[in-house]
PDB file of N, CA and C in Angstrom:
ATOM      1  N   MET A   1       6.132 -37.458  -6.953  1.00  0.00           N
ATOM      2  CA  MET A   1       5.795 -37.854  -5.671  1.00  0.00           C
ATOM      3  C   MET A   1       5.474 -39.321  -5.705  1.00  0.00           C
ATOM      4  N   THR A   2       6.084 -40.034  -4.823  1.00  0.00           N
ATOM      5  CA  THR A   2       5.960 -41.469  -4.668  1.00  0.00           C
ATOM      6  C   THR A   2       5.117 -41.760  -3.418  1.00  0.00           C
ATOM      7  N   ILE A   3       3.988 -42.445  -3.519  1.00  0.00           N
ATOM      8  CA  ILE A   3       3.088 -42.683  -2.455  1.00  0.00           C
ATOM      9  C   ILE A   3       3.234 -44.186  -2.088  1.00  0.00           C
ATOM     10  N   ASN A   4       3.322 -44.461  -0.795  1.00  0.00           N
ATOM     11  CA  ASN A   4       3.328 -45.787  -0.284  1.00  0.00           C
ATOM     12  C   ASN A   4       1.920 -46.256  -0.183  1.00  0.00           C
ATOM     13  N   TRP A   5       1.444 -47.119  -1.142  1.00  0.00           N
ATOM     14  CA  TRP A   5       0.039 -47.566  -1.219  1.00  0.00           C
ATOM     15  C   TRP A   5      -0.156 -48.897  -0.416  1.00  0.00           C
ATOM     16  N   SER A   6       0.853 -49.222   0.420  1.00  0.00           N
ATOM     17  CA  SER A   6       0.826 -50.612   0.982  1.00  0.00           C
ATOM     18  C   SER A   6      -0.154 -50.781   2.103  1.00  0.00           C
ATOM     19  N   THR A   7      -0.911 -49.792   2.516  1.00  0.00           N
ATOM     20  CA  THR A   7      -1.771 -49.996   3.656  1.00  0.00           C
ATOM     21  C   THR A   7      -3.063 -50.711   3.143  1.00  0.00           C
ATOM     22  N   PRO A   8      -3.633 -51.641   3.889  1.00  0.00           N
ATOM     23  CA  PRO A   8      -4.796 -52.328   3.483  1.00  0.00           C
ATOM     24  C   PRO A   8      -5.978 -51.433   3.080  1.00  0.00           C
ATOM     25  N   GLU A   9      -6.134 -50.331   3.846  1.00  0.00           N
ATOM     26  CA  GLU A   9      -7.217 -49.447   3.626  1.00  0.00           C
ATOM     27  C   GLU A   9      -7.076 -48.753   2.268  1.00  0.00           C
ATOM     28  N   ALA A  10      -5.872 -48.309   1.980  1.00  0.00           N
ATOM     29  CA  ALA A  10      -5.611 -47.713   0.677  1.00  0.00           C
ATOM     30  C   ALA A  10      -5.811 -48.674  -0.481  1.00  0.00           C
ATOM     31  N   GLU A  11      -5.315 -49.892  -0.283  1.00  0.00           N
ATOM     32  CA  GLU A  11      -5.456 -50.880  -1.330  1.00  0.00           C
ATOM     33  C   GLU A  11      -6.919 -51.283  -1.604  1.00  0.00           C
ATOM     34  N   ALA A  12      -7.708 -51.439  -0.506  1.00  0.00           N
ATOM     35  CA  ALA A  12      -9.133 -51.779  -0.656  1.00  0.00           C
ATOM     36  C   ALA A  12      -9.897 -50.583  -1.069  1.00  0.00           C
ATOM     37  N   GLY A  13      -9.446 -49.340  -0.874  1.00  0.00           N
ATOM     38  CA  GLY A  13     -10.207 -48.163  -1.237  1.00  0.00           C
ATOM     39  C   GLY A  13     -11.403 -47.860  -0.384  1.00  0.00           C
ATOM     40  N   ALA A  14     -11.436 -48.497   0.812  1.00  0.00           N
ATOM     41  CA  ALA A  14     -12.519 -48.180   1.756  1.00  0.00           C
ATOM     42  C   ALA A  14     -11.982 -48.206   3.208  1.00  0.00           C
ATOM     43  N   ASN A  15     -12.596 -47.366   3.992  1.00  0.00           N
ATOM     44  CA  ASN A  15     -12.165 -47.323   5.394  1.00  0.00           C
ATOM     45  C   ASN A  15     -12.733 -48.399   6.264  1.00  0.00           C
ATOM     46  N   GLY A  16     -13.916 -48.941   5.884  1.00  0.00           N
ATOM     47  CA  GLY A  16     -14.562 -49.849   6.763  1.00  0.00           C
ATOM     48  C   GLY A  16     -15.070 -49.009   8.000  1.00  0.00           C
ATOM     49  N   PRO A  17     -15.319 -49.641   9.121  1.00  0.00           N
ATOM     50  CA  PRO A  17     -15.874 -48.894  10.242  1.00  0.00           C
ATOM     51  C   PRO A  17     -14.816 -47.983  10.912  1.00  0.00           C
ATOM     52  N   PHE A  18     -13.532 -48.198  10.646  1.00  0.00           N
ATOM     53  CA  PHE A  18     -12.493 -47.435  11.253  1.00  0.00           C
ATOM     54  C   PHE A  18     -11.685 -46.669  10.173  1.00  0.00           C
ATOM     55  N   ARG A  19     -11.174 -45.529  10.619  1.00  0.00           N
ATOM     56  CA  ARG A  19     -10.300 -44.755   9.728  1.00  0.00           C
ATOM     57  C   ARG A  19      -8.873 -44.910  10.142  1.00  0.00           C
ATOM     58  N   GLU A  20      -7.923 -45.027   9.226  1.00  0.00           N
ATOM     59  CA  GLU A  20      -6.553 -45.054   9.536  1.00  0.00           C
ATOM     60  C   GLU A  20      -6.109 -43.545   9.595  1.00  0.00           C
ATOM     61  N   LEU A  21      -5.789 -43.127  10.828  1.00  0.00           N
ATOM     62  CA  LEU A  21      -5.315 -41.775  11.031  1.00  0.00           C
ATOM     63  C   LEU A  21      -3.840 -41.815  11.132  1.00  0.00           C
ATOM     64  N   VAL A  22      -3.154 -40.918  10.375  1.00  0.00           N
ATOM     65  CA  VAL A  22      -1.720 -40.910  10.336  1.00  0.00           C
ATOM     66  C   VAL A  22      -1.192 -39.587  10.839  1.00  0.00           C
ATOM     67  N   SER A  23      -0.084 -39.531  11.486  1.00  0.00           N
ATOM     68  CA  SER A  23       0.541 -38.337  12.040  1.00  0.00           C
ATOM     69  C   SER A  23       1.208 -37.591  10.850  1.00  0.00           C
ATOM     70  N   LYS A  24       1.539 -36.373  11.145  1.00  0.00           N
ATOM     71  CA  LYS A  24       2.244 -35.519  10.205  1.00  0.00           C
ATOM     72  C   LYS A  24       3.537 -36.218   9.716  1.00  0.00           C
ATOM     73  N   LYS A  25       4.304 -36.819  10.714  1.00  0.00           N
ATOM     74  CA  LYS A  25       5.486 -37.423  10.341  1.00  0.00           C
ATOM     75  C   LYS A  25       5.290 -38.648   9.441  1.00  0.00           C
ATOM     76  N   GLU A  26       4.249 -39.434   9.724  1.00  0.00           N
ATOM     77  CA  GLU A  26       3.924 -40.606   8.879  1.00  0.00           C
ATOM     78  C   GLU A  26       3.442 -40.104   7.499  1.00  0.00           C
ATOM     79  N   LEU A  27       2.607 -39.108   7.476  1.00  0.00           N
ATOM     80  CA  LEU A  27       2.117 -38.518   6.209  1.00  0.00           C
ATOM     81  C   LEU A  27       3.274 -38.055   5.327  1.00  0.00           C
ATOM     82  N   MET A  28       4.258 -37.406   5.928  1.00  0.00           N
ATOM     83  CA  MET A  28       5.467 -36.940   5.250  1.00  0.00           C
ATOM     84  C   MET A  28       6.199 -38.096   4.617  1.00  0.00           C
ATOM     85  N   ARG A  29       6.371 -39.145   5.477  1.00  0.00           N
ATOM     86  CA  ARG A  29       7.073 -40.336   4.982  1.00  0.00           C
ATOM     87  C   ARG A  29       6.392 -41.058   3.764  1.00  0.00           C
ATOM     88  N   ARG A  30       5.051 -41.166   3.950  1.00  0.00           N
ATOM     89  CA  ARG A  30       4.291 -41.817   2.875  1.00  0.00           C
ATOM     90  C   ARG A  30       4.232 -41.017   1.551  1.00  0.00           C
ATOM     91  N   LEU A  31       4.254 -39.737   1.718  1.00  0.00           N
ATOM     92  CA  LEU A  31       4.158 -38.849   0.520  1.00  0.00           C
ATOM     93  C   LEU A  31       5.525 -38.538  -0.049  1.00  0.00           C
ATOM     94  N   GLY A  32       6.578 -38.839   0.729  1.00  0.00           N
ATOM     95  CA  GLY A  32       7.920 -38.500   0.285  1.00  0.00           C
ATOM     96  C   GLY A  32       8.229 -37.064   0.398  1.00  0.00           C
ATOM     97  N   VAL A  33       7.633 -36.434   1.395  1.00  0.00           N
ATOM     98  CA  VAL A  33       7.823 -35.005   1.593  1.00  0.00           C
ATOM     99  C   VAL A  33       8.836 -34.735   2.715  1.00  0.00           C
ATOM    100  N   LYS A  34       9.730 -33.855   2.527  1.00  0.00           N
ATOM    101  CA  LYS A  34      10.796 -33.604   3.514  1.00  0.00           C
ATOM    102  C   LYS A  34      10.492 -32.555   4.554  1.00  0.00           C
ATOM    103  N   SER A  35       9.574 -31.653   4.283  1.00  0.00           N
ATOM    104  CA  SER A  35       9.318 -30.509   5.194  1.00  0.00           C
ATOM    105  C   SER A  35       7.844 -30.467   5.642  1.00  0.00           C
ATOM    106  N   PRO A  36       7.622 -30.201   6.959  1.00  0.00           N
ATOM    107  CA  PRO A  36       6.217 -30.103   7.412  1.00  0.00           C
ATOM    108  C   PRO A  36       5.530 -28.885   6.723  1.00  0.00           C
ATOM    109  N   THR A  37       6.271 -27.944   6.388  1.00  0.00           N
ATOM    110  CA  THR A  37       5.708 -26.692   5.696  1.00  0.00           C
ATOM    111  C   THR A  37       5.064 -27.174   4.354  1.00  0.00           C
ATOM    112  N   THR A  38       5.673 -28.126   3.652  1.00  0.00           N
ATOM    113  CA  THR A  38       5.146 -28.583   2.425  1.00  0.00           C
ATOM    114  C   THR A  38       3.821 -29.155   2.612  1.00  0.00           C
ATOM    115  N   ILE A  39       3.565 -29.988   3.734  1.00  0.00           N
ATOM    116  CA  ILE A  39       2.241 -30.572   3.996  1.00  0.00           C
ATOM    117  C   ILE A  39       1.216 -29.402   4.226  1.00  0.00           C
ATOM    118  N   TYR A  40       1.570 -28.424   5.019  1.00  0.00           N
ATOM    119  CA  TYR A  40       0.629 -27.337   5.343  1.00  0.00           C
ATOM    120  C   TYR A  40       0.335 -26.529   4.005  1.00  0.00           C
ATOM    121  N   ASN A  41       1.332 -26.321   3.131  1.00  0.00           N
ATOM    122  CA  ASN A  41       1.147 -25.624   1.923  1.00  0.00           C
ATOM    123  C   ASN A  41       0.195 -26.397   0.995  1.00  0.00           C
ATOM    124  N   MET A  42       0.372 -27.760   0.951  1.00  0.00           N
ATOM    125  CA  MET A  42      -0.426 -28.595   0.137  1.00  0.00           C
ATOM    126  C   MET A  42      -1.870 -28.607   0.607  1.00  0.00           C
ATOM    127  N   VAL A  43      -2.142 -28.498   1.937  1.00  0.00           N
ATOM    128  CA  VAL A  43      -3.461 -28.423   2.490  1.00  0.00           C
ATOM    129  C   VAL A  43      -4.106 -27.037   2.066  1.00  0.00           C
ATOM    130  N   ALA A  44      -3.255 -25.949   2.173  1.00  0.00           N
ATOM    131  CA  ALA A  44      -3.702 -24.631   1.811  1.00  0.00           C
ATOM    132  C   ALA A  44      -4.132 -24.556   0.404  1.00  0.00           C
ATOM    133  N   ARG A  45      -3.385 -25.278  -0.477  1.00  0.00           N
ATOM    134  CA  ARG A  45      -3.694 -25.237  -1.913  1.00  0.00           C
ATOM    135  C   ARG A  45      -4.809 -26.177  -2.300  1.00  0.00           C
ATOM    136  N   GLY A  46      -5.322 -26.968  -1.315  1.00  0.00           N
ATOM    137  CA  GLY A  46      -6.378 -27.921  -1.611  1.00  0.00           C
ATOM    138  C   GLY A  46      -5.849 -29.239  -2.188  1.00  0.00           C
ATOM    139  N   GLU A  47      -4.600 -29.465  -2.137  1.00  0.00           N
ATOM    140  CA  GLU A  47      -3.986 -30.714  -2.686  1.00  0.00           C
ATOM    141  C   GLU A  47      -4.166 -31.854  -1.703  1.00  0.00           C
ATOM    142  N   LEU A  48      -4.322 -31.575  -0.337  1.00  0.00           N
ATOM    143  CA  LEU A  48      -4.503 -32.540   0.674  1.00  0.00           C
ATOM    144  C   LEU A  48      -5.703 -32.196   1.513  1.00  0.00           C
ATOM    145  N   PRO A  49      -6.395 -33.116   2.080  1.00  0.00           N
ATOM    146  CA  PRO A  49      -7.506 -32.724   3.028  1.00  0.00           C
ATOM    147  C   PRO A  49      -6.891 -32.181   4.293  1.00  0.00           C
ATOM    148  N   PRO A  50      -7.686 -31.341   4.982  1.00  0.00           N
ATOM    149  CA  PRO A  50      -7.154 -30.819   6.269  1.00  0.00           C
ATOM    150  C   PRO A  50      -6.992 -31.910   7.280  1.00  0.00           C
ATOM    151  N   ALA A  51      -6.189 -31.676   8.302  1.00  0.00           N
ATOM    152  CA  ALA A  51      -5.971 -32.675   9.401  1.00  0.00           C
ATOM    153  C   ALA A  51      -7.234 -32.646  10.229  1.00  0.00           C
ATOM    154  N   ILE A  52      -7.429 -33.713  10.913  1.00  0.00           N
ATOM    155  CA  ILE A  52      -8.534 -33.946  11.917  1.00  0.00           C
ATOM    156  C   ILE A  52      -7.936 -33.768  13.321  1.00  0.00           C
ATOM    157  N   GLU A  53      -8.514 -32.871  14.084  1.00  0.00           N
ATOM    158  CA  GLU A  53      -8.041 -32.676  15.494  1.00  0.00           C
ATOM    159  C   GLU A  53      -8.654 -33.751  16.391  1.00  0.00           C
ATOM    160  N   ILE A  54      -7.804 -34.517  16.950  1.00  0.00           N
ATOM    161  CA  ILE A  54      -8.321 -35.630  17.775  1.00  0.00           C
ATOM    162  C   ILE A  54      -8.110 -35.403  19.273  1.00  0.00           C
ATOM    163  N   GLY A  55      -7.518 -34.297  19.600  1.00  0.00           N
ATOM    164  CA  GLY A  55      -7.289 -33.841  20.976  1.00  0.00           C
ATOM    165  C   GLY A  55      -6.700 -32.488  20.982  1.00  0.00           C
ATOM    166  N   ARG A  56      -6.414 -31.971  22.092  1.00  0.00           N
ATOM    167  CA  ARG A  56      -5.840 -30.651  22.128  1.00  0.00           C
ATOM    168  C   ARG A  56      -4.422 -30.588  21.492  1.00  0.00           C
ATOM    169  N   GLY A  57      -4.435 -29.981  20.313  1.00  0.00           N
ATOM    170  CA  GLY A  57      -3.149 -29.871  19.631  1.00  0.00           C
ATOM    171  C   GLY A  57      -2.674 -31.115  18.883  1.00  0.00           C
ATOM    172  N   THR A  58      -3.494 -32.168  18.979  1.00  0.00           N
ATOM    173  CA  THR A  58      -3.067 -33.424  18.231  1.00  0.00           C
ATOM    174  C   THR A  58      -3.894 -33.537  17.028  1.00  0.00           C
ATOM    175  N   LYS A  59      -3.228 -33.535  15.925  1.00  0.00           N
ATOM    176  CA  LYS A  59      -3.869 -33.638  14.565  1.00  0.00           C
ATOM    177  C   LYS A  59      -3.417 -34.880  13.869  1.00  0.00           C
ATOM    178  N   ARG A  60      -4.330 -35.459  13.092  1.00  0.00           N
ATOM    179  CA  ARG A  60      -4.043 -36.635  12.271  1.00  0.00           C
ATOM    180  C   ARG A  60      -4.699 -36.469  10.939  1.00  0.00           C
ATOM    181  N   TRP A  61      -4.233 -37.149   9.919  1.00  0.00           N
ATOM    182  CA  TRP A  61      -4.805 -37.185   8.613  1.00  0.00           C
ATOM    183  C   TRP A  61      -5.486 -38.538   8.409  1.00  0.00           C
ATOM    184  N   ASP A  62      -6.689 -38.435   7.736  1.00  0.00           N
ATOM    185  CA  ASP A  62      -7.328 -39.664   7.330  1.00  0.00           C
ATOM    186  C   ASP A  62      -6.662 -40.194   6.031  1.00  0.00           C
ATOM    187  N   TRP A  63      -5.967 -41.272   6.130  1.00  0.00           N
ATOM    188  CA  TRP A  63      -5.119 -41.742   5.009  1.00  0.00           C
ATOM    189  C   TRP A  63      -5.945 -42.000   3.779  1.00  0.00           C
ATOM    190  N   ALA A  64      -7.090 -42.647   3.943  1.00  0.00           N
ATOM    191  CA  ALA A  64      -7.957 -42.901   2.773  1.00  0.00           C
ATOM    192  C   ALA A  64      -8.392 -41.638   2.110  1.00  0.00           C
ATOM    193  N   ALA A  65      -8.710 -40.582   2.872  1.00  0.00           N
ATOM    194  CA  ALA A  65      -9.035 -39.286   2.281  1.00  0.00           C
ATOM    195  C   ALA A  65      -7.898 -38.639   1.552  1.00  0.00           C
ATOM    196  N   VAL A  66      -6.696 -38.865   2.118  1.00  0.00           N
ATOM    197  CA  VAL A  66      -5.455 -38.342   1.406  1.00  0.00           C
ATOM    198  C   VAL A  66      -5.352 -39.019   0.096  1.00  0.00           C
ATOM    199  N   VAL A  67      -5.510 -40.328   0.069  1.00  0.00           N
ATOM    200  CA  VAL A  67      -5.320 -41.160  -1.120  1.00  0.00           C
ATOM    201  C   VAL A  67      -6.330 -40.668  -2.188  1.00  0.00           C
ATOM    202  N   ARG A  68      -7.669 -40.477  -1.807  1.00  0.00           N
ATOM    203  CA  ARG A  68      -8.684 -40.047  -2.730  1.00  0.00           C
ATOM    204  C   ARG A  68      -8.333 -38.628  -3.277  1.00  0.00           C
ATOM    205  N   LYS A  69      -7.855 -37.693  -2.389  1.00  0.00           N
ATOM    206  CA  LYS A  69      -7.507 -36.364  -2.891  1.00  0.00           C
ATOM    207  C   LYS A  69      -6.390 -36.379  -3.847  1.00  0.00           C
ATOM    208  N   VAL A  70      -5.322 -37.157  -3.577  1.00  0.00           N
ATOM    209  CA  VAL A  70      -4.203 -37.178  -4.471  1.00  0.00           C
ATOM    210  C   VAL A  70      -4.591 -37.888  -5.749  1.00  0.00           C
ATOM    211  N   ALA A  71      -5.380 -38.990  -5.717  1.00  0.00           N
ATOM    212  CA  ALA A  71      -5.855 -39.613  -6.954  1.00  0.00           C
ATOM    213  C   ALA A  71      -6.663 -38.702  -7.767  1.00  0.00           C
ATOM    214  N   ALA A  72      -7.514 -37.940  -7.177  1.00  0.00           N
ATOM    215  CA  ALA A  72      -8.342 -36.935  -7.923  1.00  0.00           C
ATOM    216  C   ALA A  72      -7.511 -35.859  -8.566  1.00  0.00           C
ATOM    217  N   ALA A  73      -6.526 -35.431  -7.835  1.00  0.00           N
ATOM    218  CA  ALA A  73      -5.584 -34.390  -8.413  1.00  0.00           C
ATOM    219  C   ALA A  73      -4.823 -34.961  -9.585  1.00  0.00           C
ATOM    220  N   GLN A  74      -4.335 -36.208  -9.476  1.00  0.00           N
ATOM    221  CA  GLN A  74      -3.639 -36.871 -10.599  1.00  0.00           C
ATOM    222  C   GLN A  74      -4.536 -37.063 -11.812  1.00  0.00           C
ATOM    223  N   GLU A  75      -5.776 -37.383 -11.539  1.00  0.00           N
ATOM    224  CA  GLU A  75      -6.799 -37.558 -12.703  1.00  0.00           C
ATOM    225  C   GLU A  75      -6.946 -36.184 -13.344  1.00  0.00           C
ATOM    226  N   ARG A  76      -7.165 -35.123 -12.592  1.00  0.00           N
ATOM    227  CA  ARG A  76      -7.365 -33.840 -13.171  1.00  0.00           C
ATOM    228  C   ARG A  76      -6.094 -33.348 -13.976  1.00  0.00           C
ATOM    229  N   ALA A  77      -4.972 -33.656 -13.476  1.00  0.00           N
ATOM    230  CA  ALA A  77      -3.688 -33.325 -14.163  1.00  0.00           C
ATOM    231  C   ALA A  77      -3.646 -34.064 -15.499  1.00  0.00           C
ATOM    232  N   PHE A  78      -3.951 -35.345 -15.504  1.00  0.00           N
ATOM    233  CA  PHE A  78      -3.970 -36.156 -16.703  1.00  0.00           C
ATOM    234  C   PHE A  78      -4.957 -35.683 -17.720  1.00  0.00           C
ATOM    235  N   GLU A  79      -6.155 -35.286 -17.263  1.00  0.00           N
ATOM    236  CA  GLU A  79      -7.193 -34.752 -18.124  1.00  0.00           C
ATOM    237  C   GLU A  79      -6.716 -33.411 -18.813  1.00  0.00           C
ATOM    238  N   ALA A  80      -6.036 -32.540 -17.945  1.00  0.00           N
ATOM    239  CA  ALA A  80      -5.555 -31.288 -18.454  1.00  0.00           C
ATOM    240  C   ALA A  80      -4.407 -31.525 -19.507  1.00  0.00           C
ATOM    241  N   LEU A  81      -3.616 -32.516 -19.244  1.00  0.00           N
ATOM    242  CA  LEU A  81      -2.538 -32.842 -20.233  1.00  0.00           C
ATOM    243  C   LEU A  81      -3.137 -33.314 -21.544  1.00  0.00           C
ATOM    244  N   ILE A  82      -4.149 -34.127 -21.504  1.00  0.00           N
ATOM    245  CA  ILE A  82      -4.815 -34.621 -22.781  1.00  0.00           C
ATOM    246  C   ILE A  82      -5.411 -33.376 -23.545  1.00  0.00           C
ATOM    247  N   ALA A  83      -6.064 -32.504 -22.768  1.00  0.00           N
ATOM    248  CA  ALA A  83      -6.677 -31.335 -23.391  1.00  0.00           C
ATOM    249  C   ALA A  83      -5.589 -30.429 -24.084  1.00  0.00           C
ATOM    250  N   ARG A  84      -4.455 -30.271 -23.348  1.00  0.00           N
ATOM    251  CA  ARG A  84      -3.382 -29.436 -23.930  1.00  0.00           C
ATOM    252  C   ARG A  84      -2.822 -30.079 -25.174  1.00  0.00           C
ATOM    253  N   GLN A  85      -2.690 -31.394 -25.176  1.00  0.00           N
ATOM    254  CA  GLN A  85      -2.177 -32.075 -26.328  1.00  0.00           C
ATOM    255  C   GLN A  85      -3.122 -31.969 -27.536  1.00  0.00           C
ATOM    256  N   ALA A  86      -4.449 -32.018 -27.283  1.00  0.00           N
ATOM    257  CA  ALA A  86      -5.431 -31.932 -28.362  1.00  0.00           C
ATOM    258  C   ALA A  86      -5.376 -30.457 -28.896  1.00  0.00           C
ATOM    259  N   ARG A  87      -5.281 -29.412 -28.070  1.00  0.00           N
ATOM    260  CA  ARG A  87      -5.193 -28.051 -28.574  1.00  0.00           C
ATOM    261  C   ARG A  87      -3.929 -27.920 -29.378  1.00  0.00           C
ATOM    262  N   ALA A  88      -2.771 -28.442 -28.930  1.00  0.00           N
ATOM    263  CA  ALA A  88      -1.568 -28.313 -29.665  1.00  0.00           C
ATOM    264  C   ALA A  88      -1.588 -29.029 -31.019  1.00  0.00           C
ATOM    265  N   ARG A  89      -2.287 -30.162 -31.054  1.00  0.00           N
ATOM    266  CA  ARG A  89      -2.500 -30.864 -32.342  1.00  0.00           C
ATOM    267  C   ARG A  89      -3.347 -30.087 -33.302  1.00  0.00           C
ATOM    268  N   GLU A  90      -4.365 -29.407 -32.791  1.00  0.00           N
ATOM    269  CA  GLU A  90      -5.252 -28.601 -33.648  1.00  0.00           C
ATOM    270  C   GLU A  90      -4.444 -27.382 -34.151  1.00  0.00           C
ATOM    271  N   GLU A  91      -3.653 -26.856 -33.338  1.00  0.00           N
ATOM    272  CA  GLU A  91      -2.849 -25.622 -33.745  1.00  0.00           C
ATOM    273  C   GLU A  91      -1.860 -26.045 -34.850  1.00  0.00           C
ATOM    274  N   ARG A  92      -1.201 -27.201 -34.690  1.00  0.00           N
ATOM    275  CA  ARG A  92      -0.256 -27.716 -35.687  1.00  0.00           C
ATOM    276  C   ARG A  92      -1.037 -27.995 -36.999  1.00  0.00           C
ATOM    277  N   GLN A  93      -2.194 -28.561 -36.903  1.00  0.00           N
ATOM    278  CA  GLN A  93      -2.927 -28.826 -38.185  1.00  0.00           C
ATOM    279  C   GLN A  93      -3.333 -27.443 -38.839  1.00  0.00           C
ATOM    280  N   LYS A  94      -3.678 -26.460 -38.018  1.00  0.00           N
ATOM    281  CA  LYS A  94      -4.035 -25.135 -38.651  1.00  0.00           C
ATOM    282  C   LYS A  94      -2.831 -24.553 -39.335  1.00  0.00           C
ATOM    283  N   ARG A  95      -1.664 -24.690 -38.684  1.00  0.00           N
ATOM    284  CA  ARG A  95      -0.434 -24.133 -39.257  1.00  0.00           C
ATOM    285  C   ARG A  95      -0.089 -24.835 -40.597  1.00  0.00           C
ATOM    286  N   LEU A  96      -0.232 -26.198 -40.557  1.00  0.00           N
ATOM    287  CA  LEU A  96       0.123 -26.933 -41.729  1.00  0.00           C
ATOM    288  C   LEU A  96      -0.846 -26.901 -42.839  1.00  0.00           C
ATOM    289  N   PHE A  97      -2.126 -26.933 -42.506  1.00  0.00           N
ATOM    290  CA  PHE A  97      -3.219 -27.068 -43.547  1.00  0.00           C
ATOM    291  C   PHE A  97      -4.107 -25.897 -43.660  1.00  0.00           C
ATOM    292  N   GLY A  98      -3.880 -24.906 -42.854  1.00  0.00           N
ATOM    293  CA  GLY A  98      -4.749 -23.726 -42.869  1.00  0.00           C
ATOM    294  C   GLY A  98      -6.038 -24.057 -42.119  1.00  0.00           C
ATOM    295  N   ASP A  99      -6.980 -23.094 -42.174  1.00  0.00           N
ATOM    296  CA  ASP A  99      -8.276 -23.266 -41.458  1.00  0.00           C
ATOM    297  C   ASP A  99      -9.244 -24.143 -42.259  1.00  0.00           C
ATOM    298  N   SER A 100      -8.948 -24.414 -43.537  1.00  0.00           N
ATOM    299  CA  SER A 100      -9.880 -25.159 -44.330  1.00  0.00           C
ATOM    300  C   SER A 100     -10.122 -26.555 -43.807  1.00  0.00           C
ATOM    301  N   ARG A 101      -9.082 -27.195 -43.300  1.00  0.00           N
ATOM    302  CA  ARG A 101      -9.245 -28.569 -42.832  1.00  0.00           C
ATOM    303  C   ARG A 101     -10.075 -28.637 -41.529  1.00  0.00           C
ATOM    304  N   THR A 102      -9.896 -27.647 -40.575  1.00  0.00           N
ATOM    305  CA  THR A 102     -10.661 -27.563 -39.393  1.00  0.00           C
ATOM    306  C   THR A 102     -12.087 -27.152 -39.678  1.00  0.00           C
ATOM    307  N   GLU A 103     -12.368 -26.350 -40.712  1.00  0.00           N
ATOM    308  CA  GLU A 103     -13.662 -25.919 -41.058  1.00  0.00           C
ATOM    309  C   GLU A 103     -14.465 -27.083 -41.649  1.00  0.00           C
ATOM    310  N   ALA A 104     -13.832 -27.968 -42.314  1.00  0.00           N
ATOM    311  CA  ALA A 104     -14.468 -29.137 -42.934  1.00  0.00           C
ATOM    312  C   ALA A 104     -15.047 -30.025 -41.897  1.00  0.00           C
ATOM    313  N   ARG A 105     -14.458 -30.069 -40.711  1.00  0.00           N
ATOM    314  CA  ARG A 105     -14.973 -30.980 -39.617  1.00  0.00           C
ATOM    315  C   ARG A 105     -16.186 -30.408 -38.978  1.00  0.00           C
ATOM    316  N   SER A 106     -16.364 -29.142 -39.040  1.00  0.00           N
ATOM    317  CA  SER A 106     -17.485 -28.410 -38.284  1.00  0.00           C
ATOM    318  C   SER A 106     -18.829 -28.689 -38.966  1.00  0.00           C
TER     319      SER A 106
END
């Protein structure tokens, strides 16, 4: 997923007194998503914040909240990757050296 970080609010990391509210079409463009269903599925899975209703049937997304949510998800994914790599490394060491090497560290 490629995100267009070029908005001043996203680059500054703060909303200031105003929030940049983006439409579904603009959100899809910025996230590189082709289908509106993907946006709604991402909201349902907790990958994106819910839309804000600003009028009858008119919804917008707070861009800074979207950036924070996506950044947090990327950080969690990175931490999970590091943990998987550490477990795999320990398993390899157990296969190569047996349990004696891992017991010595305890």
